[in-house]
């Protein structure tokens, strides 16, 4: 069990944020949006210094899919900052990008370009595999990489992160090929360079969550069955009482990653269930561990305040 010091817990004040995230963007372009924040004066000022815009990255029929892009304070287009795409959970059937809003704010405050991704949701009664969800996730990453010059992003430092079903989508981007949107420019890579995963449902094999949707096609969808030496460095957070993802599943994933020569860190939180990371103090703890991970990769320049 990983233990967090009281000094780290004190940094939870950094995350006292309440963010209003979703707004429509004008077709074919990106629209600047304001960020509403609540909390301590310092936290409010720090969030207000961020730059936020909403961009359409894809159209499916009359449906516009959007990204909420949060840029660091002092951002300039000439920058080549690391970026992180964040995918919300909800079993592929519900949820909005704003669910990962406070994580997006945190990483932007630390110098990353954060991207909250809207993707198509499944009909909960259809019992279909998450084909469109995966295709949209890949399209979103390709859009960010293709527009890296305008976004001030380093094309070789684009992470994917997410919780639960969003963690599955992020892991797919790091470990798997296939299920591309046929209209995507396949010359642009949809591979993430690092993964930050909160209770991800990344094993869809028989007996694991999501198998009832993917069935015999699970090897097409399940990142846990597609680990190779080309997988990116990964960090995973899980509660020990998660009813969807057994601890053994994550430990097996870690062992297989390490056997392939890939860095994979895991943190287990005693007595916590699925979605624990949305509540304090685990919200702050998991972000700070993710921060340390990104610092160790050389993506962030300094440790968080209070370390």
C-alpha atoms as a PDB file:
ATOM      1  CA  UNK A   1       0.000   0.000   0.000  1.00  0.00           C
ATOM      2  CA  UNK A   2       1.320   3.383  -0.947  1.00  0.00           C
ATOM      3  CA  UNK A   3       1.273   5.926   1.860  1.00  0.00           C
ATOM      4  CA  UNK A   4       0.881   9.678   1.409  1.00  0.00           C
ATOM      5  CA  UNK A   5       2.519  12.087   3.822  1.00  0.00           C
ATOM      6  CA  UNK A   6       0.593  14.769   5.662  1.00  0.00           C
ATOM      7  CA  UNK A   7       2.643  17.330   3.749  1.00  0.00           C
ATOM      8  CA  UNK A   8       1.156  16.053   0.511  1.00  0.00           C
ATOM      9  CA  UNK A   9      -2.350  16.116   1.959  1.00  0.00           C
ATOM     10  CA  UNK A  10      -1.940  19.809   2.699  1.00  0.00           C
ATOM     11  CA  UNK A  11      -1.663  20.460  -1.019  1.00  0.00           C
ATOM     12  CA  UNK A  12      -5.325  19.534  -1.457  1.00  0.00           C
ATOM     13  CA  UNK A  13      -6.015  23.261  -1.257  1.00  0.00           C
ATOM     14  CA  UNK A  14      -4.558  23.506  -4.754  1.00  0.00           C
ATOM     15  CA  UNK A  15      -7.551  21.595  -6.033  1.00  0.00           C
ATOM     16  CA  UNK A  16     -10.371  23.543  -4.373  1.00  0.00           C
ATOM     17  CA  UNK A  17     -11.907  24.308  -7.721  1.00  0.00           C
ATOM     18  CA  UNK A  18     -15.408  24.374  -9.106  1.00  0.00           C
ATOM     19  CA  UNK A  19     -15.285  24.699 -12.871  1.00  0.00           C
ATOM     20  CA  UNK A  20     -18.065  25.478 -15.326  1.00  0.00           C
ATOM     21  CA  UNK A  21     -16.906  23.634 -18.441  1.00  0.00           C
ATOM     22  CA  UNK A  22     -19.269  23.085 -21.318  1.00  0.00           C
ATOM     23  CA  UNK A  23     -20.229  25.640 -23.957  1.00  0.00           C
ATOM     24  CA  UNK A  24     -20.962  25.438 -27.652  1.00  0.00           C
ATOM     25  CA  UNK A  25     -18.305  26.334 -30.172  1.00  0.00           C
ATOM     26  CA  UNK A  26     -18.972  28.074 -33.447  1.00  0.00           C
ATOM     27  CA  UNK A  27     -18.840  25.584 -36.350  1.00  0.00           C
ATOM     28  CA  UNK A  28     -15.458  25.128 -38.027  1.00  0.00           C
ATOM     29  CA  UNK A  29     -13.423  27.063 -35.494  1.00  0.00           C
ATOM     30  CA  UNK A  30     -12.393  27.379 -31.879  1.00  0.00           C
ATOM     31  CA  UNK A  31     -14.168  29.740 -29.531  1.00  0.00           C
ATOM     32  CA  UNK A  32     -12.511  31.274 -26.488  1.00  0.00           C
ATOM     33  CA  UNK A  33     -14.367  30.704 -23.221  1.00  0.00           C
ATOM     34  CA  UNK A  34     -14.043  32.050 -19.713  1.00  0.00           C
ATOM     35  CA  UNK A  35     -13.253  29.818 -16.747  1.00  0.00           C
ATOM     36  CA  UNK A  36     -15.303  30.128 -13.591  1.00  0.00           C
ATOM     37  CA  UNK A  37     -13.490  29.085 -10.419  1.00  0.00           C
ATOM     38  CA  UNK A  38     -14.339  28.975  -6.737  1.00  0.00           C
ATOM     39  CA  UNK A  39     -12.141  28.335  -3.722  1.00  0.00           C
ATOM     40  CA  UNK A  40      -9.343  30.223  -2.054  1.00  0.00           C
ATOM     41  CA  UNK A  41      -8.325  33.566  -3.627  1.00  0.00           C
ATOM     42  CA  UNK A  42      -5.040  32.006  -4.722  1.00  0.00           C
ATOM     43  CA  UNK A  43      -6.765  29.042  -6.356  1.00  0.00           C
ATOM     44  CA  UNK A  44      -9.305  31.290  -8.065  1.00  0.00           C
ATOM     45  CA  UNK A  45      -6.564  33.559  -9.419  1.00  0.00           C
ATOM     46  CA  UNK A  46      -4.513  30.602 -10.662  1.00  0.00           C
ATOM     47  CA  UNK A  47      -7.453  29.087 -12.545  1.00  0.00           C
ATOM     48  CA  UNK A  48      -8.545  32.425 -13.962  1.00  0.00           C
ATOM     49  CA  UNK A  49      -5.078  32.836 -15.479  1.00  0.00           C
ATOM     50  CA  UNK A  50      -5.611  29.779 -17.652  1.00  0.00           C
ATOM     51  CA  UNK A  51      -6.823  30.122 -21.232  1.00  0.00           C
ATOM     52  CA  UNK A  52      -9.752  28.001 -22.349  1.00  0.00           C
ATOM     53  CA  UNK A  53     -11.309  27.428 -25.751  1.00  0.00           C
ATOM     54  CA  UNK A  54     -13.731  24.976 -27.285  1.00  0.00           C
ATOM     55  CA  UNK A  55     -12.920  23.448 -30.678  1.00  0.00           C
ATOM     56  CA  UNK A  56     -14.830  21.191 -33.040  1.00  0.00           C
ATOM     57  CA  UNK A  57     -12.533  18.283 -33.902  1.00  0.00           C
ATOM     58  CA  UNK A  58     -14.947  16.108 -35.847  1.00  0.00           C
ATOM     59  CA  UNK A  59     -18.386  16.051 -37.425  1.00  0.00           C
ATOM     60  CA  UNK A  60     -20.511  12.934 -37.684  1.00  0.00           C
ATOM     61  CA  UNK A  61     -23.586  13.794 -39.710  1.00  0.00           C
ATOM     62  CA  UNK A  62     -25.037  16.836 -38.007  1.00  0.00           C
ATOM     63  CA  UNK A  63     -23.286  16.017 -34.739  1.00  0.00           C
ATOM     64  CA  UNK A  64     -20.286  18.168 -33.782  1.00  0.00           C
ATOM     65  CA  UNK A  65     -17.784  16.641 -31.390  1.00  0.00           C
ATOM     66  CA  UNK A  66     -15.778  19.110 -29.344  1.00  0.00           C
ATOM     67  CA  UNK A  67     -12.614  19.469 -27.331  1.00  0.00           C
ATOM     68  CA  UNK A  68     -12.241  21.801 -24.379  1.00  0.00           C
ATOM     69  CA  UNK A  69      -8.636  22.991 -24.517  1.00  0.00           C
ATOM     70  CA  UNK A  70      -7.120  24.510 -21.378  1.00  0.00           C
ATOM     71  CA  UNK A  71      -3.817  26.318 -21.887  1.00  0.00           C
ATOM     72  CA  UNK A  72      -1.328  27.274 -19.183  1.00  0.00           C
ATOM     73  CA  UNK A  73      -0.937  30.825 -17.938  1.00  0.00           C
ATOM     74  CA  UNK A  74       1.457  32.693 -20.194  1.00  0.00           C
ATOM     75  CA  UNK A  75       0.848  30.235 -23.048  1.00  0.00           C
ATOM     76  CA  UNK A  76       2.248  31.157 -26.472  1.00  0.00           C
ATOM     77  CA  UNK A  77       1.813  29.368 -29.791  1.00  0.00           C
ATOM     78  CA  UNK A  78       5.586  29.073 -30.138  1.00  0.00           C
ATOM     79  CA  UNK A  79       5.695  26.934 -26.979  1.00  0.00           C
ATOM     80  CA  UNK A  80       6.132  23.199 -27.231  1.00  0.00           C
ATOM     81  CA  UNK A  81       4.416  22.120 -24.047  1.00  0.00           C
ATOM     82  CA  UNK A  82       3.413  18.581 -23.121  1.00  0.00           C
ATOM     83  CA  UNK A  83      -0.292  17.860 -23.487  1.00  0.00           C
ATOM     84  CA  UNK A  84      -2.778  15.466 -21.944  1.00  0.00           C
ATOM     85  CA  UNK A  85      -6.099  14.329 -23.410  1.00  0.00           C
ATOM     86  CA  UNK A  86      -8.593  13.416 -20.691  1.00  0.00           C
ATOM     87  CA  UNK A  87     -11.502  11.019 -21.240  1.00  0.00           C
ATOM     88  CA  UNK A  88     -14.457  10.865 -18.869  1.00  0.00           C
ATOM     89  CA  UNK A  89     -15.947   7.664 -17.546  1.00  0.00           C
ATOM     90  CA  UNK A  90     -19.538   6.492 -17.556  1.00  0.00           C
ATOM     91  CA  UNK A  91     -19.481   2.989 -18.997  1.00  0.00           C
ATOM     92  CA  UNK A  92     -19.324   4.423 -22.554  1.00  0.00           C
ATOM     93  CA  UNK A  93     -23.035   5.307 -22.169  1.00  0.00           C
ATOM     94  CA  UNK A  94     -23.111   8.549 -20.182  1.00  0.00           C
ATOM     95  CA  UNK A  95     -20.941  11.437 -18.996  1.00  0.00           C
ATOM     96  CA  UNK A  96     -19.548  14.740 -20.226  1.00  0.00           C
ATOM     97  CA  UNK A  97     -16.013  16.124 -20.644  1.00  0.00           C
ATOM     98  CA  UNK A  98     -16.446  18.347 -17.602  1.00  0.00           C
ATOM     99  CA  UNK A  99     -16.202  15.283 -15.351  1.00  0.00           C
ATOM    100  CA  UNK A 100     -12.427  15.499 -15.814  1.00  0.00           C
ATOM    101  CA  UNK A 101     -12.433  19.287 -15.548  1.00  0.00           C
ATOM    102  CA  UNK A 102     -10.533  19.673 -12.288  1.00  0.00           C
ATOM    103  CA  UNK A 103      -7.852  17.282 -13.543  1.00  0.00           C
ATOM    104  CA  UNK A 104      -7.589  19.379 -16.693  1.00  0.00           C
ATOM    105  CA  UNK A 105      -7.203  22.553 -14.674  1.00  0.00           C
ATOM    106  CA  UNK A 106      -4.548  20.978 -12.482  1.00  0.00           C
ATOM    107  CA  UNK A 107      -2.353  19.849 -15.360  1.00  0.00           C
ATOM    108  CA  UNK A 108      -2.762  23.195 -17.143  1.00  0.00           C
ATOM    109  CA  UNK A 109      -1.646  24.982 -13.978  1.00  0.00           C
ATOM    110  CA  UNK A 110       1.417  22.762 -14.027  1.00  0.00           C
ATOM    111  CA  UNK A 111       2.323  23.781 -17.577  1.00  0.00           C
ATOM    112  CA  UNK A 112       0.551  21.248 -19.792  1.00  0.00           C
ATOM    113  CA  UNK A 113      -2.046  21.857 -22.476  1.00  0.00           C
ATOM    114  CA  UNK A 114      -5.064  19.931 -21.168  1.00  0.00           C
ATOM    115  CA  UNK A 115      -7.731  18.649 -23.525  1.00  0.00           C
ATOM    116  CA  UNK A 116     -11.142  17.405 -22.359  1.00  0.00           C
ATOM    117  CA  UNK A 117     -12.642  15.132 -24.999  1.00  0.00           C
ATOM    118  CA  UNK A 118     -16.265  14.722 -26.016  1.00  0.00           C
ATOM    119  CA  UNK A 119     -16.920  11.362 -27.667  1.00  0.00           C
ATOM    120  CA  UNK A 120     -20.029   9.622 -28.919  1.00  0.00           C
ATOM    121  CA  UNK A 121     -21.849   7.575 -26.303  1.00  0.00           C
ATOM    122  CA  UNK A 122     -23.449   4.174 -26.761  1.00  0.00           C
ATOM    123  CA  UNK A 123     -27.147   3.450 -26.490  1.00  0.00           C
ATOM    124  CA  UNK A 124     -27.285   1.676 -23.133  1.00  0.00           C
ATOM    125  CA  UNK A 125     -29.945  -0.685 -24.469  1.00  0.00           C
ATOM    126  CA  UNK A 126     -28.096  -1.633 -27.655  1.00  0.00           C
ATOM    127  CA  UNK A 127     -25.408  -3.838 -26.024  1.00  0.00           C
ATOM    128  CA  UNK A 128     -22.904  -2.832 -28.706  1.00  0.00           C
ATOM    129  CA  UNK A 129     -19.107  -2.650 -28.368  1.00  0.00           C
ATOM    130  CA  UNK A 130     -17.548   0.812 -27.926  1.00  0.00           C
ATOM    131  CA  UNK A 131     -16.413   1.056 -31.551  1.00  0.00           C
ATOM    132  CA  UNK A 132     -17.473   4.683 -32.025  1.00  0.00           C
ATOM    133  CA  UNK A 133     -16.007   5.696 -28.660  1.00  0.00           C
ATOM    134  CA  UNK A 134     -12.601   4.311 -29.645  1.00  0.00           C
ATOM    135  CA  UNK A 135     -12.787   5.864 -33.119  1.00  0.00           C
ATOM    136  CA  UNK A 136     -13.553   9.272 -31.623  1.00  0.00           C
ATOM    137  CA  UNK A 137     -10.734   8.973 -29.097  1.00  0.00           C
ATOM    138  CA  UNK A 138      -8.290   8.272 -31.917  1.00  0.00           C
ATOM    139  CA  UNK A 139      -9.677  11.153 -33.980  1.00  0.00           C
ATOM    140  CA  UNK A 140      -9.283  13.513 -31.026  1.00  0.00           C
ATOM    141  CA  UNK A 141      -5.635  12.624 -30.490  1.00  0.00           C
ATOM    142  CA  UNK A 142      -4.926  12.925 -34.206  1.00  0.00           C
ATOM    143  CA  UNK A 143      -6.567  16.358 -34.243  1.00  0.00           C
ATOM    144  CA  UNK A 144      -4.399  17.551 -31.364  1.00  0.00           C
ATOM    145  CA  UNK A 145      -1.217  16.165 -32.933  1.00  0.00           C
ATOM    146  CA  UNK A 146      -2.093  17.628 -36.346  1.00  0.00           C
ATOM    147  CA  UNK A 147      -2.724  21.049 -34.748  1.00  0.00           C
ATOM    148  CA  UNK A 148       0.224  20.899 -32.353  1.00  0.00           C
ATOM    149  CA  UNK A 149       1.864  23.917 -33.972  1.00  0.00           C
ATOM    150  CA  UNK A 150      -1.142  26.131 -33.262  1.00  0.00           C
ATOM    151  CA  UNK A 151      -1.722  24.623 -29.815  1.00  0.00           C
ATOM    152  CA  UNK A 152       1.883  25.057 -28.651  1.00  0.00           C
ATOM    153  CA  UNK A 153       2.173  21.292 -28.108  1.00  0.00           C
ATOM    154  CA  UNK A 154       5.132  18.938 -28.432  1.00  0.00           C
ATOM    155  CA  UNK A 155       3.972  16.126 -30.754  1.00  0.00           C
ATOM    156  CA  UNK A 156       6.185  13.648 -28.879  1.00  0.00           C
ATOM    157  CA  UNK A 157       4.764  14.449 -25.432  1.00  0.00           C
ATOM    158  CA  UNK A 158       1.029  13.846 -25.698  1.00  0.00           C
ATOM    159  CA  UNK A 159      -0.408  11.789 -22.852  1.00  0.00           C
ATOM    160  CA  UNK A 160      -3.824  10.178 -22.599  1.00  0.00           C
ATOM    161  CA  UNK A 161      -5.651   9.891 -19.306  1.00  0.00           C
ATOM    162  CA  UNK A 162      -9.070   8.932 -18.074  1.00  0.00           C
ATOM    163  CA  UNK A 163     -11.209   7.227 -15.504  1.00  0.00           C
ATOM    164  CA  UNK A 164     -13.092   3.929 -15.831  1.00  0.00           C
ATOM    165  CA  UNK A 165     -14.381   3.681 -19.429  1.00  0.00           C
ATOM    166  CA  UNK A 166     -12.367   6.811 -20.168  1.00  0.00           C
ATOM    167  CA  UNK A 167      -9.345   4.961 -18.830  1.00  0.00           C
ATOM    168  CA  UNK A 168     -10.088   2.197 -21.330  1.00  0.00           C
ATOM    169  CA  UNK A 169     -10.069   4.734 -24.187  1.00  0.00           C
ATOM    170  CA  UNK A 170      -6.826   6.275 -22.964  1.00  0.00           C
ATOM    171  CA  UNK A 171      -5.195   2.844 -22.642  1.00  0.00           C
ATOM    172  CA  UNK A 172      -6.380   1.928 -26.146  1.00  0.00           C
ATOM    173  CA  UNK A 173      -4.533   4.973 -27.486  1.00  0.00           C
ATOM    174  CA  UNK A 174      -1.342   3.846 -25.807  1.00  0.00           C
ATOM    175  CA  UNK A 175      -1.390   0.131 -26.562  1.00  0.00           C
ATOM    176  CA  UNK A 176      -3.543  -0.710 -29.567  1.00  0.00           C
ATOM    177  CA  UNK A 177      -4.040  -0.265 -33.294  1.00  0.00           C
ATOM    178  CA  UNK A 178      -7.217  -0.521 -35.331  1.00  0.00           C
ATOM    179  CA  UNK A 179     -10.821   0.694 -35.019  1.00  0.00           C
ATOM    180  CA  UNK A 180      -9.918   3.963 -36.753  1.00  0.00           C
ATOM    181  CA  UNK A 181     -12.514   6.313 -38.160  1.00  0.00           C
ATOM    182  CA  UNK A 182     -12.323   5.688 -41.936  1.00  0.00           C
ATOM    183  CA  UNK A 183     -12.261   9.458 -42.520  1.00  0.00           C
ATOM    184  CA  UNK A 184      -9.193  10.010 -40.304  1.00  0.00           C
ATOM    185  CA  UNK A 185      -5.829  10.915 -41.787  1.00  0.00           C
ATOM    186  CA  UNK A 186      -3.990   7.729 -40.862  1.00  0.00           C
ATOM    187  CA  UNK A 187      -0.627   9.354 -41.584  1.00  0.00           C
ATOM    188  CA  UNK A 188      -1.066  11.202 -38.266  1.00  0.00           C
ATOM    189  CA  UNK A 189      -0.275   8.983 -35.290  1.00  0.00           C
ATOM    190  CA  UNK A 190      -3.021   8.347 -32.737  1.00  0.00           C
ATOM    191  CA  UNK A 191      -0.593   6.819 -30.229  1.00  0.00           C
ATOM    192  CA  UNK A 192      -0.265   8.383 -26.783  1.00  0.00           C
ATOM    193  CA  UNK A 193       3.243   8.889 -25.381  1.00  0.00           C
ATOM    194  CA  UNK A 194       2.249   8.283 -21.735  1.00  0.00           C
ATOM    195  CA  UNK A 195      -0.821   7.029 -19.865  1.00  0.00           C
ATOM    196  CA  UNK A 196      -2.464   8.273 -16.648  1.00  0.00           C
ATOM    197  CA  UNK A 197      -5.263   5.871 -15.704  1.00  0.00           C
ATOM    198  CA  UNK A 198      -7.783   6.060 -12.869  1.00  0.00           C
ATOM    199  CA  UNK A 199      -9.573   2.719 -12.231  1.00  0.00           C
ATOM    200  CA  UNK A 200      -9.478   1.865 -15.948  1.00  0.00           C
ATOM    201  CA  UNK A 201     -11.609  -0.933 -17.374  1.00  0.00           C
ATOM    202  CA  UNK A 202      -8.765  -1.963 -19.679  1.00  0.00           C
ATOM    203  CA  UNK A 203      -9.263  -5.728 -19.464  1.00  0.00           C
ATOM    204  CA  UNK A 204     -12.354  -6.819 -21.410  1.00  0.00           C
ATOM    205  CA  UNK A 205     -11.519 -10.522 -21.591  1.00  0.00           C
ATOM    206  CA  UNK A 206     -13.967 -13.220 -20.371  1.00  0.00           C
ATOM    207  CA  UNK A 207     -14.946 -12.611 -16.754  1.00  0.00           C
ATOM    208  CA  UNK A 208     -13.827  -8.967 -16.840  1.00  0.00           C
ATOM    209  CA  UNK A 209     -15.891  -5.796 -17.096  1.00  0.00           C
ATOM    210  CA  UNK A 210     -17.128  -4.936 -20.580  1.00  0.00           C
ATOM    211  CA  UNK A 211     -16.857  -8.446 -21.960  1.00  0.00           C
ATOM    212  CA  UNK A 212     -20.624  -8.680 -22.345  1.00  0.00           C
ATOM    213  CA  UNK A 213     -20.392  -5.847 -24.916  1.00  0.00           C
ATOM    214  CA  UNK A 214     -17.327  -6.968 -26.875  1.00  0.00           C
ATOM    215  CA  UNK A 215     -17.843 -10.745 -26.675  1.00  0.00           C
ATOM    216  CA  UNK A 216     -15.541 -12.841 -28.840  1.00  0.00           C
ATOM    217  CA  UNK A 217     -14.036  -9.650 -30.273  1.00  0.00           C
ATOM    218  CA  UNK A 218     -12.435  -8.743 -26.957  1.00  0.00           C
ATOM    219  CA  UNK A 219      -8.889  -8.867 -28.342  1.00  0.00           C
ATOM    220  CA  UNK A 220      -9.836  -6.009 -30.695  1.00  0.00           C
ATOM    221  CA  UNK A 221     -10.925  -3.852 -27.762  1.00  0.00           C
ATOM    222  CA  UNK A 222      -9.009  -4.951 -24.677  1.00  0.00           C
ATOM    223  CA  UNK A 223      -5.706  -3.146 -24.009  1.00  0.00           C
ATOM    224  CA  UNK A 224      -4.689  -5.761 -21.424  1.00  0.00           C
ATOM    225  CA  UNK A 225      -4.473  -8.350 -24.202  1.00  0.00           C
ATOM    226  CA  UNK A 226      -2.341  -6.111 -26.419  1.00  0.00           C
ATOM    227  CA  UNK A 227       0.714  -5.245 -24.348  1.00  0.00           C
ATOM    228  CA  UNK A 228       3.956  -4.947 -26.310  1.00  0.00           C
ATOM    229  CA  UNK A 229       7.348  -3.367 -25.794  1.00  0.00           C
ATOM    230  CA  UNK A 230       6.034  -0.309 -27.659  1.00  0.00           C
ATOM    231  CA  UNK A 231       3.552   0.544 -24.904  1.00  0.00           C
ATOM    232  CA  UNK A 232       4.141   3.964 -23.294  1.00  0.00           C
ATOM    233  CA  UNK A 233       5.067   4.557 -19.639  1.00  0.00           C
ATOM    234  CA  UNK A 234       1.938   4.211 -17.527  1.00  0.00           C
ATOM    235  CA  UNK A 235       0.622   5.056 -14.062  1.00  0.00           C
ATOM    236  CA  UNK A 236      -2.550   3.461 -12.644  1.00  0.00           C
ATOM    237  CA  UNK A 237      -4.696   4.260  -9.595  1.00  0.00           C
ATOM    238  CA  UNK A 238      -7.184   1.781  -8.097  1.00  0.00           C
ATOM    239  CA  UNK A 239      -9.223   1.358  -4.930  1.00  0.00           C
ATOM    240  CA  UNK A 240      -8.824  -2.028  -3.261  1.00  0.00           C
ATOM    241  CA  UNK A 241     -12.620  -2.421  -2.982  1.00  0.00           C
ATOM    242  CA  UNK A 242     -13.372  -1.634  -6.613  1.00  0.00           C
ATOM    243  CA  UNK A 243     -16.229  -3.968  -7.608  1.00  0.00           C
ATOM    244  CA  UNK A 244     -15.555  -3.620 -11.335  1.00  0.00           C
ATOM    245  CA  UNK A 245     -11.792  -4.046 -11.437  1.00  0.00           C
ATOM    246  CA  UNK A 246     -10.101  -6.578  -9.122  1.00  0.00           C
ATOM    247  CA  UNK A 247      -6.714  -5.647  -7.728  1.00  0.00           C
ATOM    248  CA  UNK A 248      -5.387  -8.809  -9.353  1.00  0.00           C
ATOM    249  CA  UNK A 249      -6.347  -7.468 -12.797  1.00  0.00           C
ATOM    250  CA  UNK A 250      -4.202  -4.365 -12.359  1.00  0.00           C
ATOM    251  CA  UNK A 251      -1.312  -6.305 -10.837  1.00  0.00           C
ATOM    252  CA  UNK A 252      -1.370  -8.727 -13.763  1.00  0.00           C
ATOM    253  CA  UNK A 253      -1.411  -5.813 -16.195  1.00  0.00           C
ATOM    254  CA  UNK A 254       1.570  -4.258 -14.419  1.00  0.00           C
ATOM    255  CA  UNK A 255       3.496  -7.544 -14.434  1.00  0.00           C
ATOM    256  CA  UNK A 256       2.876  -7.993 -18.160  1.00  0.00           C
ATOM    257  CA  UNK A 257       3.959  -4.421 -18.884  1.00  0.00           C
ATOM    258  CA  UNK A 258       7.140  -4.878 -16.897  1.00  0.00           C
ATOM    259  CA  UNK A 259       7.824  -8.215 -18.587  1.00  0.00           C
ATOM    260  CA  UNK A 260       7.622  -6.339 -21.904  1.00  0.00           C
ATOM    261  CA  UNK A 261      10.175  -3.839 -20.602  1.00  0.00           C
ATOM    262  CA  UNK A 262       7.650  -1.026 -20.118  1.00  0.00           C
ATOM    263  CA  UNK A 263       7.464   1.205 -17.075  1.00  0.00           C
ATOM    264  CA  UNK A 264       4.180   0.759 -15.214  1.00  0.00           C
ATOM    265  CA  UNK A 265       3.500   2.226 -11.764  1.00  0.00           C
ATOM    266  CA  UNK A 266       0.468   1.261  -9.692  1.00  0.00           C
ATOM    267  CA  UNK A 267      -1.047   2.849  -6.592  1.00  0.00           C
ATOM    268  CA  UNK A 268      -3.721   1.086  -4.543  1.00  0.00           C
ATOM    269  CA  UNK A 269      -5.944   2.898  -2.044  1.00  0.00           C
ATOM    270  CA  UNK A 270      -7.181   0.787   0.842  1.00  0.00           C
ATOM    271  CA  UNK A 271     -10.934   0.363   1.196  1.00  0.00           C
ATOM    272  CA  UNK A 272     -11.826   2.576  -1.764  1.00  0.00           C
ATOM    273  CA  UNK A 273     -14.341   1.681  -4.453  1.00  0.00           C
ATOM    274  CA  UNK A 274     -14.832   2.572  -8.085  1.00  0.00           C
ATOM    275  CA  UNK A 275     -14.614   6.289  -8.822  1.00  0.00           C
ATOM    276  CA  UNK A 276     -12.831   7.009  -5.515  1.00  0.00           C
ATOM    277  CA  UNK A 277     -10.531   9.534  -7.197  1.00  0.00           C
ATOM    278  CA  UNK A 278     -13.344  12.056  -7.598  1.00  0.00           C
ATOM    279  CA  UNK A 279     -13.402  12.597  -3.816  1.00  0.00           C
ATOM    280  CA  UNK A 280     -10.887  14.123  -1.438  1.00  0.00           C
ATOM    281  CA  UNK A 281      -8.291  13.363  -0.244  1.00  0.00           C
ATOM    282  CA  UNK A 282      -7.799  10.817  -3.062  1.00  0.00           C
ATOM    283  CA  UNK A 283      -8.481  13.393  -5.758  1.00  0.00           C
ATOM    284  CA  UNK A 284      -5.480  15.417  -4.598  1.00  0.00           C
ATOM    285  CA  UNK A 285      -3.346  12.360  -3.870  1.00  0.00           C
ATOM    286  CA  UNK A 286      -3.763  10.786  -7.288  1.00  0.00           C
ATOM    287  CA  UNK A 287      -3.060  14.057  -9.077  1.00  0.00           C
ATOM    288  CA  UNK A 288       0.105  14.585  -7.094  1.00  0.00           C
ATOM    289  CA  UNK A 289       1.301  11.064  -7.856  1.00  0.00           C
ATOM    290  CA  UNK A 290       0.532  11.658 -11.531  1.00  0.00           C
ATOM    291  CA  UNK A 291       2.479  14.914 -11.262  1.00  0.00           C
ATOM    292  CA  UNK A 292       5.524  13.128  -9.851  1.00  0.00           C
ATOM    293  CA  UNK A 293       5.275  10.571 -12.648  1.00  0.00           C
ATOM    294  CA  UNK A 294       5.266  13.293 -15.310  1.00  0.00           C
ATOM    295  CA  UNK A 295       8.146  15.071 -13.589  1.00  0.00           C
ATOM    296  CA  UNK A 296      10.128  11.829 -13.679  1.00  0.00           C
ATOM    297  CA  UNK A 297       9.514  11.615 -17.444  1.00  0.00           C
ATOM    298  CA  UNK A 298      10.911  15.110 -17.853  1.00  0.00           C
ATOM    299  CA  UNK A 299       7.561  16.487 -18.976  1.00  0.00           C
ATOM    300  CA  UNK A 300       7.138  18.880 -16.040  1.00  0.00           C
ATOM    301  CA  UNK A 301       9.942  21.046 -14.752  1.00  0.00           C
ATOM    302  CA  UNK A 302       9.448  21.008 -11.005  1.00  0.00           C
ATOM    303  CA  UNK A 303       7.688  19.152  -8.234  1.00  0.00           C
ATOM    304  CA  UNK A 304       4.336  20.481  -6.969  1.00  0.00           C
ATOM    305  CA  UNK A 305       4.224  23.174  -4.316  1.00  0.00           C
ATOM    306  CA  UNK A 306       4.485  21.638  -0.867  1.00  0.00           C
ATOM    307  CA  UNK A 307       6.680  18.727  -1.895  1.00  0.00           C
END
